[in-house]
N, C-alpha and C. Protein backbone atom coordinates (compact mmCIF):
# COMPACT_ATOMS: atom_id res chain seq x y z
N MET A 1 22.86 128.60 54.75
CA MET A 1 22.84 129.93 54.79
C MET A 1 22.66 130.43 53.57
N SER A 2 21.77 131.08 53.76
CA SER A 2 21.05 131.53 52.21
C SER A 2 21.78 132.08 51.19
N VAL A 3 21.43 132.18 50.03
CA VAL A 3 22.62 132.76 49.17
C VAL A 3 22.62 134.42 48.77
N ASN A 4 21.51 135.04 49.21
CA ASN A 4 21.69 136.07 48.95
C ASN A 4 21.57 137.19 50.48
N ALA A 5 22.21 136.57 50.87
CA ALA A 5 22.37 136.58 52.19
C ALA A 5 23.10 138.67 52.56
N LYS A 6 22.83 139.76 52.30
CA LYS A 6 22.95 140.86 52.43
C LYS A 6 22.96 141.62 53.70
N THR A 7 24.78 142.33 53.66
CA THR A 7 25.13 143.38 54.88
C THR A 7 24.18 144.09 54.87
N TYR A 8 23.41 144.75 56.00
CA TYR A 8 22.45 145.82 55.83
C TYR A 8 23.27 147.37 56.39
N THR A 9 23.31 147.93 55.26
CA THR A 9 23.79 149.18 55.74
C THR A 9 22.90 150.51 55.58
N PRO A 10 23.17 151.20 56.48
CA PRO A 10 21.83 152.53 56.52
C PRO A 10 22.07 153.46 55.31
N ARG A 11 21.10 153.86 54.98
CA ARG A 11 21.40 155.03 53.94
C ARG A 11 21.28 156.37 54.53
N GLU A 12 21.71 157.48 53.98
CA GLU A 12 21.82 158.83 54.28
C GLU A 12 20.46 159.35 54.52
N SER A 13 19.54 158.97 53.95
CA SER A 13 18.27 159.56 53.86
C SER A 13 17.58 158.66 55.17
N GLU A 14 18.07 157.31 55.69
CA GLU A 14 17.25 156.48 56.77
C GLU A 14 18.05 157.06 58.62
N ILE A 15 18.79 157.68 58.37
CA ILE A 15 19.85 158.21 60.07
C ILE A 15 18.91 159.15 60.31
N GLU A 16 18.29 158.67 61.29
CA GLU A 16 17.45 159.59 62.40
C GLU A 16 18.24 160.18 63.51
N ARG A 17 18.41 161.51 63.55
CA ARG A 17 19.36 162.17 64.42
C ARG A 17 18.25 162.76 65.58
N ARG A 18 18.86 161.95 66.80
CA ARG A 18 17.84 162.99 68.01
C ARG A 18 18.82 163.76 68.73
N TRP A 19 18.52 164.40 69.98
CA TRP A 19 19.17 165.34 69.94
C TRP A 19 18.75 165.16 71.97
N TYR A 20 20.17 164.84 72.72
CA TYR A 20 19.82 164.23 73.72
C TYR A 20 20.64 165.54 74.91
N VAL A 21 20.75 165.75 75.95
CA VAL A 21 21.02 166.64 76.66
C VAL A 21 20.96 165.68 77.99
N VAL A 22 22.76 166.32 78.61
CA VAL A 22 23.02 165.59 79.70
C VAL A 22 23.67 166.60 80.88
N ASP A 23 23.60 166.71 82.14
CA ASP A 23 23.73 167.33 83.12
C ASP A 23 24.83 166.72 83.66
N ALA A 24 26.43 167.70 83.57
CA ALA A 24 27.62 167.14 83.91
C ALA A 24 27.86 167.36 85.38
N THR A 25 26.80 167.84 86.38
CA THR A 25 26.96 168.20 86.98
C THR A 25 27.85 166.75 88.30
N ASP A 26 28.97 167.37 89.07
CA ASP A 26 29.12 165.48 89.94
C ASP A 26 29.39 164.44 89.18
N GLU A 27 29.76 164.72 87.71
CA GLU A 27 29.52 163.30 86.94
C GLU A 27 31.44 163.16 86.42
N THR A 28 31.85 161.86 86.73
CA THR A 28 33.46 161.68 86.55
C THR A 28 33.70 161.87 85.08
N LEU A 29 34.72 162.55 84.57
CA LEU A 29 35.09 162.94 83.51
C LEU A 29 35.04 162.11 81.98
N GLY A 30 36.03 161.10 82.44
CA GLY A 30 35.95 159.88 81.69
C GLY A 30 34.97 159.06 81.47
N ARG A 31 34.08 158.84 82.56
CA ARG A 31 32.54 158.03 82.58
C ARG A 31 31.89 159.06 81.91
N LEU A 32 31.40 160.20 81.95
CA LEU A 32 30.61 160.86 80.71
C LEU A 32 30.85 160.76 79.80
N ALA A 33 32.64 161.20 79.38
CA ALA A 33 32.83 161.16 77.81
C ALA A 33 32.91 160.05 77.07
N THR A 34 32.80 158.90 77.96
CA THR A 34 32.34 157.67 76.99
C THR A 34 31.08 157.39 76.84
N ARG A 35 30.14 158.05 77.52
CA ARG A 35 28.88 157.93 77.35
C ARG A 35 28.61 158.79 76.00
N ILE A 36 29.05 160.16 75.77
CA ILE A 36 28.58 160.95 74.88
C ILE A 36 29.29 160.30 73.79
N ALA A 37 30.52 159.65 73.77
CA ALA A 37 31.33 159.33 72.55
C ALA A 37 30.44 158.17 71.83
N ARG A 38 30.01 157.35 72.86
CA ARG A 38 29.16 156.02 72.17
C ARG A 38 27.92 156.99 71.46
N THR A 39 27.28 157.76 72.10
CA THR A 39 26.03 158.43 71.48
C THR A 39 26.35 159.29 70.28
N LEU A 40 27.42 159.83 70.38
CA LEU A 40 27.62 160.95 68.84
C LEU A 40 28.00 160.02 67.40
N GLU A 41 28.97 158.37 67.97
CA GLU A 41 29.09 157.90 67.17
C GLU A 41 27.99 156.79 66.36
N GLY A 42 26.96 156.49 67.24
CA GLY A 42 25.96 155.97 67.34
C GLY A 42 25.56 154.36 67.43
N LYS A 43 26.59 154.17 68.62
CA LYS A 43 27.02 152.78 68.83
C LYS A 43 25.48 152.30 69.65
N ASN A 44 24.93 153.33 69.88
CA ASN A 44 24.09 153.04 70.88
C ASN A 44 22.83 152.42 70.10
N LYS A 45 22.70 152.55 68.72
CA LYS A 45 21.64 151.72 67.67
C LYS A 45 21.65 151.05 67.20
N PRO A 46 21.06 150.49 66.80
CA PRO A 46 20.94 149.13 65.87
C PRO A 46 21.24 149.05 64.49
N THR A 47 20.90 150.65 64.38
CA THR A 47 21.73 151.21 62.93
C THR A 47 22.99 151.36 62.34
N TYR A 48 23.57 151.29 63.52
CA TYR A 48 25.34 151.86 64.03
C TYR A 48 26.22 150.96 62.55
N ALA A 49 26.59 151.86 61.42
CA ALA A 49 27.55 151.25 60.71
C ALA A 49 28.94 152.16 60.89
N ALA A 50 30.15 151.50 60.80
CA ALA A 50 31.58 152.31 60.61
C ALA A 50 31.70 153.04 60.18
N HIS A 51 31.60 152.62 58.57
CA HIS A 51 31.47 154.12 58.10
C HIS A 51 31.50 154.83 57.92
N LEU A 52 29.87 155.03 58.66
CA LEU A 52 28.93 156.15 58.46
C LEU A 52 28.78 156.68 59.92
N ASP A 53 28.68 158.35 60.06
CA ASP A 53 28.22 158.87 61.03
C ASP A 53 26.66 158.76 61.28
N THR A 54 26.21 157.63 62.10
CA THR A 54 24.89 157.49 62.22
C THR A 54 24.45 157.81 63.71
N GLY A 55 25.45 158.74 64.44
CA GLY A 55 25.17 159.08 66.28
C GLY A 55 24.00 159.95 65.94
N ASP A 56 23.86 160.48 67.28
CA ASP A 56 22.97 161.49 67.80
C ASP A 56 23.94 163.05 67.90
N HIS A 57 22.69 163.86 68.14
CA HIS A 57 23.34 165.50 68.30
C HIS A 57 23.27 164.92 70.34
N VAL A 58 24.43 166.03 70.85
CA VAL A 58 24.82 165.72 72.48
C VAL A 58 25.06 167.38 72.90
N ILE A 59 24.15 167.95 74.05
CA ILE A 59 24.49 168.98 74.45
C ILE A 59 24.74 168.59 75.87
N VAL A 60 26.22 169.06 76.24
CA VAL A 60 26.44 169.02 77.81
C VAL A 60 26.50 170.50 78.70
N LEU A 61 25.68 170.40 79.56
CA LEU A 61 25.47 171.67 80.41
C LEU A 61 26.09 171.43 82.04
N ASN A 62 26.40 172.71 82.58
CA ASN A 62 27.21 172.75 83.76
C ASN A 62 28.57 172.08 83.50
N SER A 63 29.28 172.26 82.23
CA SER A 63 30.46 171.56 82.44
C SER A 63 31.75 172.11 83.37
N ALA A 64 31.36 173.31 83.94
CA ALA A 64 32.34 173.74 84.86
C ALA A 64 32.40 173.03 85.97
N ARG A 65 31.41 171.96 86.45
CA ARG A 65 31.32 171.15 87.93
C ARG A 65 31.18 169.67 87.60
N ILE A 66 32.32 169.49 87.03
CA ILE A 66 32.62 168.16 86.50
C ILE A 66 33.61 167.85 87.69
N THR A 67 33.95 166.88 87.83
CA THR A 67 34.39 166.22 88.74
C THR A 67 35.40 164.92 88.28
N VAL A 68 36.91 165.16 88.82
CA VAL A 68 37.92 164.08 88.40
C VAL A 68 38.51 163.37 89.55
N THR A 69 38.76 161.99 89.17
CA THR A 69 39.33 161.04 90.72
C THR A 69 40.74 161.32 90.74
N SER A 70 41.12 161.06 92.22
CA SER A 70 42.61 161.39 92.76
C SER A 70 42.99 162.63 92.52
N ASP A 71 44.47 163.20 92.10
CA ASP A 71 44.46 164.25 92.04
C ASP A 71 45.12 164.60 91.01
N LYS A 72 43.95 164.46 89.57
CA LYS A 72 44.19 164.94 88.43
C LYS A 72 44.37 166.32 87.91
N LEU A 73 43.64 166.95 88.75
CA LEU A 73 43.44 168.42 88.98
C LEU A 73 44.67 169.14 88.62
N THR A 74 45.98 168.43 89.59
CA THR A 74 47.05 169.07 89.35
C THR A 74 48.25 168.36 88.95
N THR A 75 47.79 167.23 88.01
CA THR A 75 48.69 166.43 87.85
C THR A 75 48.40 165.94 86.07
N LYS A 76 47.03 166.02 85.73
CA LYS A 76 47.05 165.59 83.91
C LYS A 76 47.09 167.42 83.59
N MET A 77 47.80 166.92 82.36
CA MET A 77 48.53 168.38 81.75
C MET A 77 47.99 168.19 80.30
N TYR A 78 47.90 169.52 79.55
CA TYR A 78 47.42 169.35 78.52
C TYR A 78 48.55 170.48 78.09
N ALA A 79 49.15 169.84 76.35
CA ALA A 79 50.19 170.37 75.85
C ALA A 79 49.90 170.68 74.19
N ARG A 80 50.12 171.51 74.11
CA ARG A 80 50.18 172.35 72.81
C ARG A 80 51.43 172.78 72.13
N HIS A 81 51.71 172.87 70.79
CA HIS A 81 52.92 173.49 70.52
C HIS A 81 52.26 174.48 69.20
N SER A 82 52.58 175.71 69.14
CA SER A 82 52.43 176.57 68.13
C SER A 82 53.13 176.63 67.18
N GLY A 83 54.38 175.64 66.70
CA GLY A 83 55.16 175.41 65.71
C GLY A 83 56.39 176.32 65.72
N TYR A 84 56.05 177.30 66.39
CA TYR A 84 57.49 178.15 65.86
C TYR A 84 58.22 177.85 67.82
N PRO A 85 59.91 178.11 67.48
CA PRO A 85 60.50 178.08 68.64
C PRO A 85 59.64 177.99 69.88
N GLY A 86 60.16 177.90 70.91
CA GLY A 86 59.70 178.22 72.25
C GLY A 86 58.45 178.49 72.27
N GLY A 87 57.42 177.77 71.28
CA GLY A 87 56.21 177.64 71.41
C GLY A 87 55.38 176.47 71.92
N PHE A 88 56.01 176.03 73.12
CA PHE A 88 55.54 174.90 73.77
C PHE A 88 54.81 175.57 74.82
N LYS A 89 53.30 175.13 74.87
CA LYS A 89 52.46 175.38 76.11
C LYS A 89 52.08 174.22 76.93
N GLU A 90 52.09 174.54 78.05
CA GLU A 90 51.08 173.07 78.84
C GLU A 90 50.69 174.05 79.80
N GLU A 91 49.19 173.18 80.14
CA GLU A 91 48.70 173.78 81.39
C GLU A 91 47.93 172.52 81.94
N THR A 92 47.57 173.11 83.23
CA THR A 92 46.96 171.61 84.66
C THR A 92 45.24 171.27 83.67
N LEU A 93 44.60 170.37 83.89
CA LEU A 93 43.79 170.39 83.99
C LEU A 93 42.50 171.31 84.93
N GLY A 94 43.12 171.45 86.08
CA GLY A 94 42.29 172.40 87.26
C GLY A 94 42.70 173.83 86.69
N HIS A 95 44.01 174.23 86.03
CA HIS A 95 43.86 175.55 85.03
C HIS A 95 43.04 175.87 83.35
N LEU A 96 42.62 174.42 82.92
CA LEU A 96 41.81 174.35 81.85
C LEU A 96 40.69 174.53 82.21
N LEU A 97 40.43 173.86 83.25
CA LEU A 97 38.65 174.18 83.87
C LEU A 97 38.49 175.25 84.36
N ALA A 98 39.04 175.96 84.87
CA ALA A 98 38.90 177.55 85.32
C ALA A 98 38.77 178.28 84.35
N ARG A 99 40.09 178.08 83.47
CA ARG A 99 39.69 178.86 81.90
C ARG A 99 38.56 178.59 81.04
N ARG A 100 38.46 177.57 80.69
CA ARG A 100 37.25 176.95 79.42
C ARG A 100 37.23 175.80 79.91
N PRO A 101 36.19 175.76 80.62
CA PRO A 101 35.36 174.62 81.11
C PRO A 101 35.22 173.70 80.24
N GLU A 102 34.44 174.21 78.97
CA GLU A 102 33.58 173.35 77.61
C GLU A 102 35.26 172.69 76.88
N GLU A 103 36.06 173.19 76.77
CA GLU A 103 37.26 172.58 76.30
C GLU A 103 37.74 171.54 77.02
N VAL A 104 37.60 171.27 77.93
CA VAL A 104 37.78 169.81 79.13
C VAL A 104 37.01 168.61 78.54
N ILE A 105 35.60 169.09 78.11
CA ILE A 105 35.23 167.96 78.00
C ILE A 105 35.13 167.59 76.55
N ARG A 106 35.50 168.52 75.55
CA ARG A 106 35.40 168.28 73.95
C ARG A 106 36.72 167.65 74.31
N ARG A 107 37.63 167.88 74.73
CA ARG A 107 39.04 167.30 74.43
C ARG A 107 39.02 165.86 74.75
N ALA A 108 38.38 165.77 76.02
CA ALA A 108 38.29 163.76 76.67
C ALA A 108 37.04 163.21 75.51
N VAL A 109 36.17 163.85 74.87
CA VAL A 109 35.06 162.92 74.14
C VAL A 109 36.14 162.93 72.72
N LYS A 110 36.83 163.98 71.77
CA LYS A 110 37.41 164.02 70.42
C LYS A 110 38.38 162.81 71.10
N GLY A 111 39.41 162.55 72.12
CA GLY A 111 40.01 161.52 71.93
C GLY A 111 39.65 159.82 71.82
N MET A 112 38.05 159.86 71.88
CA MET A 112 37.73 158.80 72.19
C MET A 112 36.61 158.34 70.59
N LEU A 113 37.07 159.42 70.00
CA LEU A 113 35.94 159.40 68.29
C LEU A 113 37.29 158.95 67.36
N PRO A 114 36.76 158.58 66.40
CA PRO A 114 38.34 158.23 65.10
C PRO A 114 38.66 159.68 64.81
N HIS A 115 39.74 159.06 64.83
CA HIS A 115 41.40 159.93 64.62
C HIS A 115 40.80 160.59 63.22
N ASN A 116 39.84 160.87 62.17
CA ASN A 116 39.78 161.14 60.59
C ASN A 116 38.21 162.06 60.42
N ARG A 117 38.01 162.27 59.18
CA ARG A 117 37.16 163.12 58.83
C ARG A 117 35.97 162.74 59.16
N LEU A 118 35.34 161.14 59.58
CA LEU A 118 34.44 160.59 60.19
C LEU A 118 34.38 161.27 61.88
N GLY A 119 35.23 161.30 62.27
CA GLY A 119 35.26 161.76 63.55
C GLY A 119 35.30 163.09 63.80
N THR A 120 35.71 164.43 62.51
CA THR A 120 35.48 165.07 62.87
C THR A 120 34.39 165.64 63.01
N GLN A 121 33.61 164.73 61.88
CA GLN A 121 31.71 165.14 61.63
C GLN A 121 31.05 164.42 62.87
N MET A 122 31.56 163.74 63.87
CA MET A 122 31.11 163.19 65.12
C MET A 122 30.95 164.06 66.04
N LEU A 123 32.05 164.94 66.09
CA LEU A 123 32.74 165.99 67.22
C LEU A 123 31.46 167.34 66.83
N ARG A 124 31.26 167.48 65.63
CA ARG A 124 30.41 169.01 65.46
C ARG A 124 29.01 168.67 65.88
N LYS A 125 28.88 167.90 65.99
CA LYS A 125 27.36 167.37 66.80
C LYS A 125 27.66 167.32 68.73
N LEU A 126 28.79 167.59 68.91
CA LEU A 126 28.65 168.01 70.84
C LEU A 126 28.67 169.41 70.81
N LYS A 127 27.80 169.76 71.61
CA LYS A 127 27.48 170.88 72.09
C LYS A 127 27.98 171.05 73.60
N VAL A 128 28.64 171.92 74.16
CA VAL A 128 29.48 172.00 75.49
C VAL A 128 29.14 173.46 75.94
N TYR A 129 28.58 173.39 77.37
CA TYR A 129 28.26 174.83 77.98
C TYR A 129 28.57 174.80 79.54
N ALA A 130 29.39 175.99 79.49
CA ALA A 130 29.69 176.21 81.23
C ALA A 130 28.16 176.11 82.04
N GLY A 131 27.53 176.37 81.68
CA GLY A 131 26.33 177.29 82.90
C GLY A 131 24.97 176.06 82.20
N ALA A 132 23.78 176.47 83.03
CA ALA A 132 22.97 175.50 82.79
C ALA A 132 21.60 176.01 81.35
N GLU A 133 22.37 177.09 80.81
CA GLU A 133 21.21 177.24 79.81
C GLU A 133 21.94 176.99 78.69
N HIS A 134 21.30 176.82 77.67
CA HIS A 134 21.45 176.33 75.92
C HIS A 134 20.41 176.60 75.03
N PRO A 135 21.17 177.30 73.97
CA PRO A 135 20.26 177.84 73.13
C PRO A 135 19.45 176.52 72.01
N HIS A 136 19.46 175.52 72.35
CA HIS A 136 18.96 174.34 71.42
C HIS A 136 17.36 173.71 71.94
N GLN A 137 16.78 174.73 72.91
CA GLN A 137 15.50 174.53 73.39
C GLN A 137 14.42 173.85 71.82
N ALA A 138 14.07 174.22 70.67
CA ALA A 138 13.76 173.82 69.72
C ALA A 138 13.64 172.27 69.23
N GLN A 139 14.94 171.85 69.25
CA GLN A 139 15.37 170.69 69.23
C GLN A 139 14.12 169.43 69.95
N GLN A 140 14.09 170.40 71.40
CA GLN A 140 13.63 169.15 71.86
C GLN A 140 14.30 168.11 72.62
N PRO A 141 15.55 168.35 73.63
CA PRO A 141 16.67 167.44 73.60
C PRO A 141 15.76 166.46 74.62
N GLU A 142 16.34 165.38 75.19
CA GLU A 142 15.83 164.72 75.93
C GLU A 142 17.00 164.19 76.30
N PRO A 143 16.72 163.92 77.92
CA PRO A 143 18.17 163.36 78.86
C PRO A 143 18.81 161.98 78.34
N LEU A 144 19.81 162.06 78.36
CA LEU A 144 20.71 161.00 77.56
C LEU A 144 20.76 159.86 78.89
N ALA A 145 20.37 158.73 78.42
CA ALA A 145 20.37 157.57 79.18
C ALA A 145 21.70 157.24 80.34
């Protein structure tokens, strides 16, 4: 082994961010979320570094038309607490999908990203829309593989 072998780490100026668009129609929630999370983290690039956000931007369309396996629409629960007495709220996946379809994909992806400031930064690059329209035409997004 050579004496001056150094670990490569990309500089902030060397990180290239691309834009990808993905249609969620008839896609399975978890499988789609893992593909999105990998792209947001930058794990699909040779320049990946665990301590840096090297990922790309992802636009998700038709989030209302996502599919789930088995009876998750009625059994999967999303819970939150306001911090006040009696402030516990629970709702099913089916109810949340009807109310705010963007939130279902956002939460699934959020759980797959690092749970720290870096993960928060990565999640900001995710844009989810219930319909087929998006305001990011100027970024010329390409389909996600």
